[in-house]
Amino acid sequence: MEAAINRYRVMAIIVGVMLLLVVFVGMPVRYIGGNGTPSAIISPIHGALYIIYLAIAYDLFRKAAWPLKQMVLMVSAGLIPFLAFFIERRIVGQARAELAAGQGARPAEGRA
């Protein structure tokens, strides 16, 4: 599960930074500066990385056997600026604590 935690952590940070670029660089340049090029480049990259982030978040969610509420929290991290960094800290801390306690190492059989 440690590999899933590390993958999640890296992708959460990347998606968080890309969202900040979209919101604080791409959008102002597009709507204030009248140049849509940065937004046209940054936004699709963020979208593609967000899809990858969702897959990695789902992988960690399944391995940790968390409730659906946890997955909703993880999904929201890529949608609201700055939230990704706070959620990443919380999720990684919780996952590592559960891993250390032996709770996150349950076998995948029998889970729906």
N, C-alpha and C. Protein backbone atom coordinates (compact mmCIF):
# COMPACT_ATOMS: atom_id res chain seq x y z
N MET A 1 0.82 -1.20 0.00
CA MET A 1 0.00 0.00 0.00
C MET A 1 0.86 1.26 0.00
N GLU A 2 2.09 1.14 0.44
CA GLU A 2 2.97 2.31 0.46
C GLU A 2 3.16 2.89 -0.95
N ALA A 3 3.25 2.03 -1.95
CA ALA A 3 3.40 2.50 -3.33
C ALA A 3 2.16 3.29 -3.77
N ALA A 4 0.98 2.82 -3.38
CA ALA A 4 -0.26 3.53 -3.71
C ALA A 4 -0.30 4.88 -3.02
N ILE A 5 0.18 4.94 -1.80
CA ILE A 5 0.22 6.20 -1.06
C ILE A 5 1.16 7.18 -1.77
N ASN A 6 2.33 6.71 -2.16
CA ASN A 6 3.30 7.59 -2.83
C ASN A 6 2.78 8.07 -4.19
N ARG A 7 2.14 7.17 -4.95
CA ARG A 7 1.55 7.58 -6.23
C ARG A 7 0.49 8.65 -6.02
N TYR A 8 -0.36 8.43 -5.02
CA TYR A 8 -1.41 9.41 -4.72
C TYR A 8 -0.80 10.76 -4.34
N ARG A 9 0.20 10.72 -3.50
CA ARG A 9 0.82 11.96 -3.03
C ARG A 9 1.40 12.77 -4.19
N VAL A 10 2.13 12.11 -5.07
CA VAL A 10 2.74 12.80 -6.21
C VAL A 10 1.67 13.39 -7.12
N MET A 11 0.65 12.59 -7.44
CA MET A 11 -0.38 13.08 -8.35
C MET A 11 -1.22 14.19 -7.72
N ALA A 12 -1.48 14.12 -6.43
CA ALA A 12 -2.25 15.18 -5.77
C ALA A 12 -1.50 16.50 -5.85
N ILE A 13 -0.21 16.47 -5.64
CA ILE A 13 0.58 17.70 -5.71
C ILE A 13 0.63 18.23 -7.14
N ILE A 14 0.84 17.35 -8.11
CA ILE A 14 0.89 17.78 -9.51
C ILE A 14 -0.45 18.39 -9.95
N VAL A 15 -1.54 17.70 -9.63
CA VAL A 15 -2.86 18.21 -10.02
C VAL A 15 -3.16 19.52 -9.30
N GLY A 16 -2.76 19.64 -8.04
CA GLY A 16 -2.96 20.89 -7.30
C GLY A 16 -2.21 22.05 -7.93
N VAL A 17 -0.97 21.82 -8.32
CA VAL A 17 -0.17 22.87 -8.97
C VAL A 17 -0.77 23.24 -10.33
N MET A 18 -1.18 22.23 -11.09
CA MET A 18 -1.78 22.52 -12.40
C MET A 18 -3.08 23.32 -12.26
N LEU A 19 -3.88 23.00 -11.25
CA LEU A 19 -5.11 23.76 -11.03
C LEU A 19 -4.80 25.21 -10.68
N LEU A 20 -3.77 25.41 -9.88
CA LEU A 20 -3.37 26.79 -9.57
C LEU A 20 -2.92 27.53 -10.82
N LEU A 21 -2.21 26.85 -11.71
CA LEU A 21 -1.81 27.46 -12.97
C LEU A 21 -3.01 27.83 -13.82
N VAL A 22 -4.00 26.94 -13.87
CA VAL A 22 -5.21 27.24 -14.64
C VAL A 22 -5.90 28.47 -14.08
N VAL A 23 -6.10 28.48 -12.77
CA VAL A 23 -6.89 29.54 -12.13
C VAL A 23 -6.15 30.87 -12.06
N PHE A 24 -4.85 30.84 -11.76
CA PHE A 24 -4.13 32.09 -11.52
C PHE A 24 -3.24 32.55 -12.67
N VAL A 25 -3.10 31.72 -13.69
CA VAL A 25 -2.34 32.14 -14.88
C VAL A 25 -3.22 32.08 -16.12
N GLY A 26 -3.73 30.89 -16.42
CA GLY A 26 -4.49 30.70 -17.65
C GLY A 26 -5.74 31.56 -17.74
N MET A 27 -6.56 31.55 -16.70
CA MET A 27 -7.82 32.30 -16.73
C MET A 27 -7.60 33.82 -16.76
N PRO A 28 -6.73 34.38 -15.91
CA PRO A 28 -6.53 35.83 -16.00
C PRO A 28 -5.95 36.28 -17.35
N VAL A 29 -5.01 35.52 -17.88
CA VAL A 29 -4.44 35.89 -19.18
C VAL A 29 -5.52 35.82 -20.25
N ARG A 30 -6.40 34.84 -20.15
CA ARG A 30 -7.46 34.69 -21.14
C ARG A 30 -8.49 35.82 -21.03
N TYR A 31 -8.98 36.09 -19.83
CA TYR A 31 -10.09 37.02 -19.67
C TYR A 31 -9.68 38.46 -19.42
N ILE A 32 -8.51 38.67 -18.87
CA ILE A 32 -8.04 40.04 -18.66
C ILE A 32 -7.12 40.47 -19.79
N GLY A 33 -6.23 39.56 -20.17
CA GLY A 33 -5.24 39.88 -21.20
C GLY A 33 -5.71 39.62 -22.62
N GLY A 34 -6.80 38.89 -22.78
CA GLY A 34 -7.32 38.61 -24.11
C GLY A 34 -6.53 37.58 -24.91
N ASN A 35 -5.69 36.80 -24.23
CA ASN A 35 -4.89 35.78 -24.91
C ASN A 35 -5.27 34.41 -24.35
N GLY A 36 -5.92 33.61 -25.16
CA GLY A 36 -6.38 32.31 -24.71
C GLY A 36 -5.37 31.19 -24.83
N THR A 37 -4.19 31.48 -25.36
CA THR A 37 -3.20 30.42 -25.59
C THR A 37 -2.77 29.71 -24.31
N PRO A 38 -2.37 30.43 -23.25
CA PRO A 38 -1.95 29.70 -22.03
C PRO A 38 -3.07 28.80 -21.47
N SER A 39 -4.27 29.31 -21.46
CA SER A 39 -5.40 28.52 -20.97
C SER A 39 -5.65 27.31 -21.85
N ALA A 40 -5.50 27.48 -23.16
CA ALA A 40 -5.72 26.38 -24.10
C ALA A 40 -4.66 25.29 -23.95
N ILE A 41 -3.52 25.64 -23.40
CA ILE A 41 -2.45 24.65 -23.18
C ILE A 41 -2.58 24.03 -21.79
N ILE A 42 -2.74 24.86 -20.77
CA ILE A 42 -2.73 24.40 -19.38
C ILE A 42 -3.98 23.60 -19.03
N SER A 43 -5.15 24.05 -19.46
CA SER A 43 -6.41 23.41 -19.06
C SER A 43 -6.51 21.95 -19.49
N PRO A 44 -6.22 21.61 -20.75
CA PRO A 44 -6.30 20.19 -21.12
C PRO A 44 -5.27 19.31 -20.40
N ILE A 45 -4.11 19.88 -20.11
CA ILE A 45 -3.10 19.11 -19.36
C ILE A 45 -3.62 18.82 -17.96
N HIS A 46 -4.20 19.84 -17.33
CA HIS A 46 -4.78 19.64 -16.00
C HIS A 46 -5.89 18.59 -16.07
N GLY A 47 -6.74 18.66 -17.09
CA GLY A 47 -7.82 17.70 -17.23
C GLY A 47 -7.32 16.26 -17.37
N ALA A 48 -6.31 16.08 -18.20
CA ALA A 48 -5.75 14.73 -18.38
C ALA A 48 -5.10 14.22 -17.10
N LEU A 49 -4.36 15.09 -16.43
CA LEU A 49 -3.72 14.69 -15.17
C LEU A 49 -4.75 14.42 -14.08
N TYR A 50 -5.86 15.15 -14.12
CA TYR A 50 -6.92 14.93 -13.14
C TYR A 50 -7.54 13.54 -13.33
N ILE A 51 -7.70 13.11 -14.57
CA ILE A 51 -8.23 11.77 -14.84
C ILE A 51 -7.28 10.71 -14.26
N ILE A 52 -5.98 10.91 -14.47
CA ILE A 52 -4.99 9.98 -13.91
C ILE A 52 -5.04 10.01 -12.38
N TYR A 53 -5.17 11.22 -11.82
CA TYR A 53 -5.29 11.39 -10.37
C TYR A 53 -6.49 10.60 -9.84
N LEU A 54 -7.62 10.66 -10.56
CA LEU A 54 -8.81 9.94 -10.11
C LEU A 54 -8.56 8.44 -10.05
N ALA A 55 -7.88 7.90 -11.06
CA ALA A 55 -7.57 6.47 -11.07
C ALA A 55 -6.66 6.10 -9.91
N ILE A 56 -5.68 6.93 -9.63
CA ILE A 56 -4.74 6.65 -8.54
C ILE A 56 -5.42 6.82 -7.19
N ALA A 57 -6.29 7.82 -7.07
CA ALA A 57 -7.05 8.01 -5.83
C ALA A 57 -7.97 6.81 -5.58
N TYR A 58 -8.60 6.32 -6.65
CA TYR A 58 -9.47 5.15 -6.52
C TYR A 58 -8.68 3.92 -6.09
N ASP A 59 -7.49 3.78 -6.62
CA ASP A 59 -6.63 2.65 -6.25
C ASP A 59 -6.32 2.69 -4.74
N LEU A 60 -5.95 3.85 -4.24
CA LEU A 60 -5.67 3.98 -2.81
C LEU A 60 -6.94 3.76 -1.99
N PHE A 61 -8.04 4.31 -2.44
CA PHE A 61 -9.32 4.15 -1.76
C PHE A 61 -9.68 2.67 -1.61
N ARG A 62 -9.51 1.90 -2.67
CA ARG A 62 -9.83 0.47 -2.64
C ARG A 62 -8.86 -0.30 -1.75
N LYS A 63 -7.58 0.00 -1.85
CA LYS A 63 -6.59 -0.72 -1.04
C LYS A 63 -6.76 -0.43 0.45
N ALA A 64 -7.17 0.79 0.78
CA ALA A 64 -7.35 1.16 2.18
C ALA A 64 -8.73 0.77 2.71
N ALA A 65 -9.65 0.40 1.81
CA ALA A 65 -11.02 0.01 2.17
C ALA A 65 -11.71 1.12 2.98
N TRP A 66 -11.62 2.33 2.48
CA TRP A 66 -12.24 3.48 3.14
C TRP A 66 -13.70 3.61 2.73
N PRO A 67 -14.48 4.37 3.51
CA PRO A 67 -15.88 4.63 3.12
C PRO A 67 -15.94 5.58 1.91
N LEU A 68 -17.07 5.61 1.25
CA LEU A 68 -17.26 6.43 0.06
C LEU A 68 -17.00 7.91 0.33
N LYS A 69 -17.31 8.37 1.53
CA LYS A 69 -17.08 9.76 1.91
C LYS A 69 -15.61 10.16 1.70
N GLN A 70 -14.72 9.25 1.97
CA GLN A 70 -13.29 9.51 1.80
C GLN A 70 -12.96 9.72 0.32
N MET A 71 -13.57 8.92 -0.55
CA MET A 71 -13.32 9.06 -1.99
C MET A 71 -13.86 10.39 -2.49
N VAL A 72 -15.02 10.80 -2.00
CA VAL A 72 -15.59 12.09 -2.40
C VAL A 72 -14.65 13.22 -1.99
N LEU A 73 -14.07 13.12 -0.83
CA LEU A 73 -13.11 14.11 -0.36
C LEU A 73 -11.88 14.14 -1.27
N MET A 74 -11.40 12.98 -1.65
CA MET A 74 -10.23 12.89 -2.53
C MET A 74 -10.53 13.46 -3.91
N VAL A 75 -11.72 13.20 -4.43
CA VAL A 75 -12.11 13.71 -5.75
C VAL A 75 -12.19 15.24 -5.73
N SER A 76 -12.70 15.80 -4.66
CA SER A 76 -12.85 17.26 -4.58
C SER A 76 -11.52 17.99 -4.55
N ALA A 77 -10.46 17.30 -4.19
CA ALA A 77 -9.15 17.94 -4.08
C ALA A 77 -8.64 18.50 -5.40
N GLY A 78 -9.03 17.94 -6.51
CA GLY A 78 -8.57 18.42 -7.80
C GLY A 78 -9.47 19.45 -8.42
N LEU A 79 -10.51 19.86 -7.70
CA LEU A 79 -11.49 20.79 -8.26
C LEU A 79 -11.45 22.18 -7.63
N ILE A 80 -10.93 22.28 -6.42
CA ILE A 80 -10.93 23.55 -5.69
C ILE A 80 -9.49 23.96 -5.44
N PRO A 81 -9.11 25.17 -5.89
CA PRO A 81 -7.71 25.60 -5.71
C PRO A 81 -7.27 25.51 -4.25
N PHE A 82 -6.04 25.09 -4.04
CA PHE A 82 -5.37 24.94 -2.75
C PHE A 82 -5.86 23.75 -1.94
N LEU A 83 -7.05 23.24 -2.21
CA LEU A 83 -7.58 22.13 -1.42
C LEU A 83 -6.76 20.86 -1.58
N ALA A 84 -6.18 20.66 -2.74
CA ALA A 84 -5.39 19.45 -3.00
C ALA A 84 -4.27 19.28 -1.98
N PHE A 85 -3.66 20.36 -1.58
CA PHE A 85 -2.52 20.28 -0.67
C PHE A 85 -2.97 19.89 0.74
N PHE A 86 -4.10 20.39 1.17
CA PHE A 86 -4.63 20.04 2.49
C PHE A 86 -5.15 18.61 2.52
N ILE A 87 -5.89 18.24 1.49
CA ILE A 87 -6.45 16.89 1.42
C ILE A 87 -5.33 15.87 1.30
N GLU A 88 -4.32 16.18 0.49
CA GLU A 88 -3.19 15.25 0.33
C GLU A 88 -2.53 14.97 1.67
N ARG A 89 -2.31 16.01 2.46
CA ARG A 89 -1.69 15.83 3.78
C ARG A 89 -2.54 14.93 4.67
N ARG A 90 -3.83 15.19 4.65
CA ARG A 90 -4.76 14.44 5.50
C ARG A 90 -4.84 12.97 5.07
N ILE A 91 -5.01 12.74 3.78
CA ILE A 91 -5.16 11.38 3.26
C ILE A 91 -3.89 10.57 3.47
N VAL A 92 -2.75 11.16 3.14
CA VAL A 92 -1.47 10.44 3.29
C VAL A 92 -1.21 10.13 4.77
N GLY A 93 -1.48 11.09 5.63
CA GLY A 93 -1.30 10.85 7.06
C GLY A 93 -2.18 9.72 7.57
N GLN A 94 -3.42 9.74 7.16
CA GLN A 94 -4.36 8.70 7.58
C GLN A 94 -3.98 7.34 7.01
N ALA A 95 -3.59 7.32 5.74
CA ALA A 95 -3.21 6.05 5.11
C ALA A 95 -1.97 5.46 5.77
N ARG A 96 -1.00 6.30 6.05
CA ARG A 96 0.23 5.80 6.68
C ARG A 96 -0.04 5.33 8.11
N ALA A 97 -0.92 6.03 8.81
CA ALA A 97 -1.27 5.61 10.17
C ALA A 97 -1.97 4.25 10.15
N GLU A 98 -2.88 4.07 9.19
CA GLU A 98 -3.57 2.79 9.08
C GLU A 98 -2.62 1.67 8.65
N LEU A 99 -1.69 2.01 7.77
CA LEU A 99 -0.70 1.03 7.33
C LEU A 99 0.18 0.60 8.50
N ALA A 100 0.60 1.57 9.31
CA ALA A 100 1.44 1.26 10.46
C ALA A 100 0.68 0.41 11.49
N ALA A 101 -0.63 0.64 11.59
CA ALA A 101 -1.44 -0.13 12.53
C ALA A 101 -1.85 -1.48 11.97
N GLY A 102 -1.55 -1.72 10.70
CA GLY A 102 -1.88 -2.98 10.08
C GLY A 102 -3.28 -3.06 9.50
N GLN A 103 -4.01 -1.96 9.50
CA GLN A 103 -5.38 -1.96 8.99
C GLN A 103 -5.45 -1.89 7.48
N GLY A 104 -4.49 -1.27 6.85
CA GLY A 104 -4.55 -1.06 5.41
C GLY A 104 -4.01 -2.21 4.61
N ALA A 105 -3.59 -3.28 5.26
CA ALA A 105 -2.97 -4.39 4.55
C ALA A 105 -3.92 -5.56 4.36
N ARG A 106 -5.21 -5.28 4.35
CA ARG A 106 -6.20 -6.35 4.18
C ARG A 106 -6.18 -6.88 2.74
N PRO A 107 -6.40 -8.16 2.58
CA PRO A 107 -6.42 -8.72 1.21
C PRO A 107 -7.63 -8.21 0.44
N ALA A 108 -7.51 -8.19 -0.89
CA ALA A 108 -8.54 -7.65 -1.75
C ALA A 108 -9.72 -8.60 -1.92
N GLU A 109 -9.57 -9.88 -1.61
CA GLU A 109 -10.65 -10.83 -1.80
C GLU A 109 -11.81 -10.51 -0.87
N GLY A 110 -13.00 -10.71 -1.40
CA GLY A 110 -14.18 -10.53 -0.57
C GLY A 110 -14.72 -9.12 -0.54
N ARG A 111 -14.03 -8.19 -1.11
CA ARG A 111 -14.52 -6.81 -1.13
C ARG A 111 -15.30 -6.58 -2.41
N ALA A 112 -16.41 -5.88 -2.27
CA ALA A 112 -17.23 -5.59 -3.46
C ALA A 112 -16.70 -4.41 -4.21
